[in-house]
């Protein structure tokens, strides 16, 4: 029987992003996965680990007896965002097969400017974006902004993702951009890369969860409509203003259009060598143009999203089991 180790957040270490505290138990929703994991026990020998210090000792001692580690929601040693690659490096060093949160290419996908350049090089359309780095010369910034059309939305690049700070992040002039940059730096400090991006009016946002890998040749996709208040921001993420049922909606696009989107996403997943599962965030404008806005390589599982995906599968399929099988078969 295959030995599977499930690694998840240690609740003794609350995670904070700048001044925003994330409640670990709500972020991971691990209790929801216990039911699903227990269903897998008939096929796998499963061990839970939730203490990072003990985990380190366990992995070193048992490296030859572990078939797969499933990292459900790890952001680094002791949940420290500055140590994002800790367990990834450990598993690579010990030659332990793993899947789950940030399971591959973690450094590349956290560099938003490099990721945008790469996507454009591959012919994938993204919203026109320039990047502001702390201390950038404002004359140079103004010159770069001349290549964008207003309105412009400002996002904070953080740990591979990008979020707007609040509902006032759409700017209609150079002066309002400078004021917003100053506000962000005063609130979060002068340490974050900012994305200044053409705001696509009346565009709808979608997320696609793509499961499978090249070796399995059985990739499946699930797409939902994301309906926050105009866009997803820090305020919504940290205080859960919108109930999950209001945030995630069943996809309302035609099967033909979704098939074209799926082809693009499978292409990106394969050429970037993303393993097992990926979440893509993308926009569709009033002219049905597709824009990729984010690429989450092996993201943390979201409980409500997982439930929706499970409902879309056959009755005898569960998402975590599918991901585990996909990882074991590569």
Protein backbone atom coordinates (compact mmCIF):
# COMPACT_ATOMS: atom_id res chain seq x y z
CA UNK A 1 0.00 0.00 0.00
CA UNK A 2 1.39 3.43 -1.00
CA UNK A 3 2.59 5.61 1.90
CA UNK A 4 1.08 9.14 1.67
CA UNK A 5 2.00 11.96 4.07
CA UNK A 6 -0.42 14.91 4.37
CA UNK A 7 1.32 18.13 5.49
CA UNK A 8 -0.88 21.06 6.55
CA UNK A 9 -0.76 24.30 8.55
CA UNK A 10 0.30 24.19 12.16
CA UNK A 11 -2.32 26.39 13.86
CA UNK A 12 0.24 27.40 16.51
CA UNK A 13 1.83 29.69 13.92
CA UNK A 14 -0.71 32.29 12.69
CA UNK A 15 0.23 33.62 9.28
CA UNK A 16 0.35 37.37 8.63
CA UNK A 17 0.69 39.22 5.33
CA UNK A 18 1.89 42.69 6.21
CA UNK A 19 -0.75 44.04 8.64
CA UNK A 20 -3.38 41.52 7.63
CA UNK A 21 -3.75 38.40 9.77
CA UNK A 22 -5.04 35.27 8.04
CA UNK A 23 -6.92 32.82 10.29
CA UNK A 24 -5.14 29.55 9.52
CA UNK A 25 -8.06 27.22 10.20
CA UNK A 26 -10.31 29.19 7.81
CA UNK A 27 -7.55 29.48 5.22
CA UNK A 28 -6.84 25.75 5.09
CA UNK A 29 -10.30 24.36 5.96
CA UNK A 30 -8.49 21.16 6.87
CA UNK A 31 -11.52 19.72 8.66
CA UNK A 32 -13.33 19.61 5.32
CA UNK A 33 -10.53 17.51 3.87
CA UNK A 34 -10.45 14.99 6.73
CA UNK A 35 -13.68 13.46 5.42
CA UNK A 36 -12.21 13.19 1.94
CA UNK A 37 -8.85 11.89 3.17
CA UNK A 38 -10.53 9.23 5.31
CA UNK A 39 -12.23 7.92 2.17
CA UNK A 40 -8.77 7.42 0.67
CA UNK A 41 -7.52 5.26 3.53
CA UNK A 42 -8.78 2.11 1.84
CA UNK A 43 -6.25 2.74 -0.96
CA UNK A 44 -3.35 4.43 0.87
CA UNK A 45 -1.46 4.36 4.15
CA UNK A 46 -1.98 8.00 5.22
CA UNK A 47 -0.17 10.00 7.93
CA UNK A 48 -1.01 13.61 8.98
CA UNK A 49 1.76 16.03 9.94
CA UNK A 50 1.03 19.52 11.25
CA UNK A 51 4.11 20.48 13.27
CA UNK A 52 6.98 21.77 11.15
CA UNK A 53 9.74 20.88 13.59
CA UNK A 54 8.51 17.31 13.91
CA UNK A 55 7.91 17.19 10.15
CA UNK A 56 11.53 17.99 9.40
CA UNK A 57 12.73 15.14 11.62
CA UNK A 58 10.10 12.77 10.23
CA UNK A 59 10.99 13.39 6.59
CA UNK A 60 14.73 12.96 7.18
CA UNK A 61 14.17 9.72 9.10
CA UNK A 62 11.58 8.17 6.76
CA UNK A 63 12.60 9.48 3.33
CA UNK A 64 12.94 5.97 1.86
CA UNK A 65 9.49 4.88 3.05
CA UNK A 66 7.40 7.77 1.69
CA UNK A 67 5.76 7.42 -1.72
CA UNK A 68 4.25 10.92 -1.83
CA UNK A 69 3.88 14.07 0.29
CA UNK A 70 0.72 16.13 -0.23
CA UNK A 71 1.40 19.70 0.92
CA UNK A 72 -2.12 21.09 1.43
CA UNK A 73 -1.35 24.66 2.45
CA UNK A 74 2.27 25.26 3.36
CA UNK A 75 3.81 28.72 2.99
CA UNK A 76 7.26 27.85 4.28
CA UNK A 77 8.91 26.83 7.51
CA UNK A 78 6.76 27.92 10.49
CA UNK A 79 4.33 29.45 7.95
CA UNK A 80 6.85 32.19 7.17
CA UNK A 81 6.23 33.73 3.74
CA UNK A 82 9.91 34.70 3.53
CA UNK A 83 10.78 30.99 3.56
CA UNK A 84 8.40 29.97 0.80
CA UNK A 85 10.62 27.34 -0.74
CA UNK A 86 11.67 25.62 2.47
CA UNK A 87 9.86 22.30 2.17
CA UNK A 88 10.15 22.28 -1.61
CA UNK A 89 13.94 22.44 -1.26
CA UNK A 90 13.84 19.80 1.48
CA UNK A 91 11.81 17.36 -0.62
CA UNK A 92 14.06 17.90 -3.63
CA UNK A 93 17.16 17.30 -1.49
CA UNK A 94 15.73 14.14 0.08
CA UNK A 95 14.38 12.96 -3.30
CA UNK A 96 10.81 12.64 -1.99
CA UNK A 97 8.02 12.89 -4.55
CA UNK A 98 5.55 15.60 -3.58
CA UNK A 99 2.52 17.51 -4.75
CA UNK A 100 0.37 20.30 -3.37
CA UNK A 101 1.05 23.88 -2.42
CA UNK A 102 3.95 25.39 -4.40
CA UNK A 103 5.14 22.02 -5.58
CA UNK A 104 7.26 23.31 -8.44
CA UNK A 105 8.77 26.38 -10.08
CA UNK A 106 7.95 28.39 -6.96
CA UNK A 107 10.59 31.07 -7.52
CA UNK A 108 9.67 31.67 -11.15
CA UNK A 109 5.94 32.14 -10.54
CA UNK A 110 6.50 34.56 -7.67
CA UNK A 111 8.27 36.98 -10.03
CA UNK A 112 5.27 38.60 -11.67
CA UNK A 113 7.26 40.62 -14.20
CA UNK A 114 9.12 37.52 -15.42
CA UNK A 115 5.89 35.55 -15.60
CA UNK A 116 4.18 38.28 -17.68
CA UNK A 117 7.14 38.47 -20.04
CA UNK A 118 7.11 34.70 -20.48
CA UNK A 119 3.35 34.56 -21.14
CA UNK A 120 3.56 37.33 -23.73
CA UNK A 121 6.49 35.54 -25.39
CA UNK A 122 4.29 32.44 -25.69
CA UNK A 123 1.56 34.49 -27.36
CA UNK A 124 -0.82 34.44 -24.37
CA UNK A 125 -2.65 37.77 -24.09
CA UNK A 126 -2.39 39.50 -20.73
CA UNK A 127 -3.63 42.96 -19.69
CA UNK A 128 -1.00 45.59 -20.53
CA UNK A 129 1.08 45.96 -17.38
CA UNK A 130 4.11 47.85 -16.12
CA UNK A 131 5.87 47.15 -12.84
CA UNK A 132 6.76 49.67 -10.17
CA UNK A 133 9.68 48.78 -7.92
CA UNK A 134 10.33 50.54 -4.58
CA UNK A 135 12.41 53.65 -5.21
CA UNK A 136 11.80 53.74 -8.98
CA UNK A 137 12.55 57.13 -10.56
CA UNK A 138 9.20 58.86 -11.07
CA UNK A 139 10.25 60.44 -14.38
CA UNK A 140 10.98 56.96 -15.69
CA UNK A 141 7.66 55.72 -14.28
CA UNK A 142 5.74 58.51 -16.02
CA UNK A 143 7.40 57.66 -19.33
CA UNK A 144 6.45 53.97 -18.94
CA UNK A 145 2.87 54.91 -18.06
CA UNK A 146 2.53 56.70 -21.41
CA UNK A 147 2.27 53.24 -23.02
CA UNK A 148 -0.86 52.37 -20.99
CA UNK A 149 -4.43 53.54 -21.42
CA UNK A 150 -6.46 54.82 -18.47
CA UNK A 151 -8.14 53.74 -16.27
CA UNK A 152 -5.29 51.84 -14.60
CA UNK A 153 -5.71 49.45 -11.71
CA UNK A 154 -2.89 49.10 -9.15
CA UNK A 155 -2.19 45.70 -7.62
CA UNK A 156 0.26 44.61 -4.94
CA UNK A 157 2.48 41.71 -5.98
CA UNK A 158 2.77 39.43 -2.96
CA UNK A 159 4.01 35.85 -2.74
CA UNK A 160 3.20 34.91 -6.31
CA UNK A 161 -0.25 36.52 -6.29
CA UNK A 162 -1.44 40.05 -6.93
CA UNK A 163 -4.22 41.84 -5.09
CA UNK A 164 -5.63 45.32 -5.12
CA UNK A 165 -5.52 47.06 -1.76
CA UNK A 166 -9.11 48.34 -1.74
CA UNK A 167 -11.98 49.54 -3.92
CA UNK A 168 -10.16 52.81 -4.67
CA UNK A 169 -7.39 51.12 -6.65
CA UNK A 170 -8.64 52.19 -10.10
CA UNK A 171 -6.84 55.38 -11.16
CA UNK A 172 -7.75 57.79 -13.94
CA UNK A 173 -4.65 60.02 -13.91
CA UNK A 174 -0.91 60.04 -13.24
CA UNK A 175 -1.43 62.08 -10.06
CA UNK A 176 -3.96 59.57 -8.67
CA UNK A 177 -1.47 56.77 -9.39
CA UNK A 178 1.28 58.53 -7.43
CA UNK A 179 -1.12 59.17 -4.56
CA UNK A 180 -2.13 55.51 -4.52
CA UNK A 181 1.49 54.32 -4.58
CA UNK A 182 2.25 56.59 -1.60
CA UNK A 183 -0.79 55.25 0.24
CA UNK A 184 0.22 51.63 -0.38
CA UNK A 185 3.81 52.23 0.70
CA UNK A 186 2.63 54.01 3.85
CA UNK A 187 0.33 51.10 4.69
CA UNK A 188 2.48 48.11 3.65
CA UNK A 189 5.97 49.57 3.61
CA UNK A 190 8.31 50.25 0.67
CA UNK A 191 8.99 46.62 -0.14
CA UNK A 192 6.41 45.36 -2.63
CA UNK A 193 6.45 45.27 -6.41
CA UNK A 194 3.31 46.97 -7.72
CA UNK A 195 1.50 46.03 -10.91
CA UNK A 196 0.07 49.00 -12.83
CA UNK A 197 -2.36 47.40 -15.24
CA UNK A 198 -4.86 48.61 -17.81
CA UNK A 199 -8.27 48.10 -16.25
CA UNK A 200 -10.54 46.22 -18.62
CA UNK A 201 -14.02 47.69 -18.17
CA UNK A 202 -17.00 45.36 -17.80
CA UNK A 203 -14.81 42.27 -18.01
CA UNK A 204 -15.85 39.14 -16.15
CA UNK A 205 -13.38 37.17 -14.08
CA UNK A 206 -13.12 33.38 -14.13
CA UNK A 207 -10.97 30.76 -12.47
CA UNK A 208 -10.06 27.43 -14.02
CA UNK A 209 -8.75 24.55 -11.95
CA UNK A 210 -6.75 22.19 -14.18
CA UNK A 211 -5.86 18.69 -12.95
CA UNK A 212 -3.54 16.12 -14.52
CA UNK A 213 -0.10 15.95 -16.11
CA UNK A 214 1.49 15.00 -19.38
CA UNK A 215 2.41 11.50 -18.27
CA UNK A 216 -1.16 10.70 -17.21
CA UNK A 217 -2.64 12.11 -20.41
CA UNK A 218 -5.93 12.63 -18.59
CA UNK A 219 -6.14 16.35 -17.93
CA UNK A 220 -9.48 17.63 -16.68
CA UNK A 221 -10.58 21.25 -16.30
CA UNK A 222 -13.21 22.92 -14.14
CA UNK A 223 -14.14 26.59 -14.62
CA UNK A 224 -16.17 28.91 -12.42
CA UNK A 225 -17.27 32.51 -12.63
CA UNK A 226 -15.74 34.75 -9.95
CA UNK A 227 -18.05 37.55 -8.90
CA UNK A 228 -16.50 39.85 -6.30
CA UNK A 229 -17.23 43.57 -6.14
CA UNK A 230 -15.62 44.53 -9.46
CA UNK A 231 -12.30 42.87 -8.55
CA UNK A 232 -10.69 40.82 -5.78
CA UNK A 233 -8.92 42.93 -3.14
CA UNK A 234 -7.18 42.68 0.23
CA UNK A 235 -10.34 43.72 2.05
CA UNK A 236 -12.35 40.84 0.62
CA UNK A 237 -9.55 38.31 1.05
CA UNK A 238 -8.78 39.15 4.66
CA UNK A 239 -12.22 39.80 6.09
CA UNK A 240 -14.29 37.42 3.95
CA UNK A 241 -16.83 40.12 3.13
CA UNK A 242 -18.50 37.97 0.51
CA UNK A 243 -19.86 34.52 1.40
CA UNK A 244 -18.22 31.82 -0.70
CA UNK A 245 -21.56 31.09 -2.33
CA UNK A 246 -21.68 34.67 -3.62
CA UNK A 247 -18.07 34.66 -4.72
CA UNK A 248 -18.03 31.43 -6.74
CA UNK A 249 -20.66 30.82 -9.40
CA UNK A 250 -21.15 27.95 -11.81
CA UNK A 251 -19.58 28.76 -15.15
CA UNK A 252 -21.92 30.48 -17.62
CA UNK A 253 -19.82 30.23 -20.80
CA UNK A 254 -20.55 28.11 -23.84
CA UNK A 255 -18.90 24.71 -24.17
CA UNK A 256 -17.22 25.76 -27.43
CA UNK A 257 -15.60 28.83 -25.89
CA UNK A 258 -14.50 26.88 -22.81
CA UNK A 259 -12.86 24.28 -25.04
CA UNK A 260 -10.72 26.99 -26.63
CA UNK A 261 -9.79 28.35 -23.20
CA UNK A 262 -8.92 24.86 -21.98
CA UNK A 263 -6.53 24.37 -24.92
CA UNK A 264 -4.68 27.56 -23.97
CA UNK A 265 -4.45 26.57 -20.32
CA UNK A 266 -3.22 23.04 -21.05
CA UNK A 267 -0.56 24.53 -23.33
CA UNK A 268 0.65 26.89 -20.57
CA UNK A 269 0.63 24.13 -17.97
CA UNK A 270 2.71 21.81 -20.13
CA UNK A 271 5.32 24.28 -21.36
CA UNK A 272 5.89 25.56 -17.81
CA UNK A 273 6.19 21.98 -16.51
CA UNK A 274 3.55 22.51 -13.82
CA UNK A 275 2.83 19.27 -12.06
CA UNK A 276 -0.54 17.79 -11.13
CA UNK A 277 -2.82 20.82 -10.77
CA UNK A 278 -2.92 24.56 -11.51
CA UNK A 279 -5.38 27.41 -10.99
CA UNK A 280 -5.61 30.06 -13.69
CA UNK A 281 -7.40 33.39 -13.21
CA UNK A 282 -8.53 35.08 -16.39
CA UNK A 283 -10.82 37.74 -17.80
CA UNK A 284 -13.19 37.82 -20.73
CA UNK A 285 -14.18 41.25 -22.05
CA UNK A 286 -17.28 42.39 -23.90
CA UNK A 287 -15.73 41.27 -27.20
CA UNK A 288 -15.07 37.76 -25.82
CA UNK A 289 -11.32 38.35 -25.72
CA UNK A 290 -9.39 36.15 -23.27
CA UNK A 291 -6.84 37.74 -20.89
CA UNK A 292 -4.79 35.70 -18.44
CA UNK A 293 -4.34 37.66 -15.20
CA UNK A 294 -2.77 35.11 -12.86
CA UNK A 295 -1.17 31.69 -12.89
CA UNK A 296 -1.09 29.79 -9.59
CA UNK A 297 1.25 26.83 -9.81
CA UNK A 298 -0.04 24.17 -7.39
CA UNK A 299 -2.03 26.58 -5.21
CA UNK A 300 -3.42 25.94 -1.75
CA UNK A 301 -6.73 24.12 -1.83
CA UNK A 302 -9.80 26.26 -1.32
CA UNK A 303 -12.50 24.30 0.47
CA UNK A 304 -15.50 25.83 -1.31
CA UNK A 305 -13.86 25.52 -4.71
CA UNK A 306 -12.98 21.89 -3.98
CA UNK A 307 -16.59 21.14 -3.07
CA UNK A 308 -17.79 22.62 -6.38
CA UNK A 309 -15.25 20.60 -8.34
CA UNK A 310 -16.18 17.41 -6.52
CA UNK A 311 -19.84 17.98 -7.39
CA UNK A 312 -18.89 18.25 -11.05
CA UNK A 313 -17.02 14.92 -11.08
CA UNK A 314 -18.55 11.47 -11.17
CA UNK A 315 -19.84 10.24 -7.83
CA UNK A 316 -16.90 7.87 -7.31
CA UNK A 317 -14.27 10.60 -7.87
CA UNK A 318 -12.90 13.01 -5.27
CA UNK A 319 -10.48 15.81 -6.05
CA UNK A 320 -7.71 14.99 -3.61
CA UNK A 321 -7.68 11.36 -4.72
CA UNK A 322 -7.44 12.46 -8.35
CA UNK A 323 -4.47 14.74 -7.57
CA UNK A 324 -2.73 11.97 -5.61
CA UNK A 325 -3.18 9.47 -8.45
CA UNK A 326 -1.94 12.05 -10.95
CA UNK A 327 1.20 12.69 -8.85
CA UNK A 328 1.93 9.00 -8.24
CA UNK A 329 1.66 8.21 -11.95
CA UNK A 330 4.15 10.77 -13.21
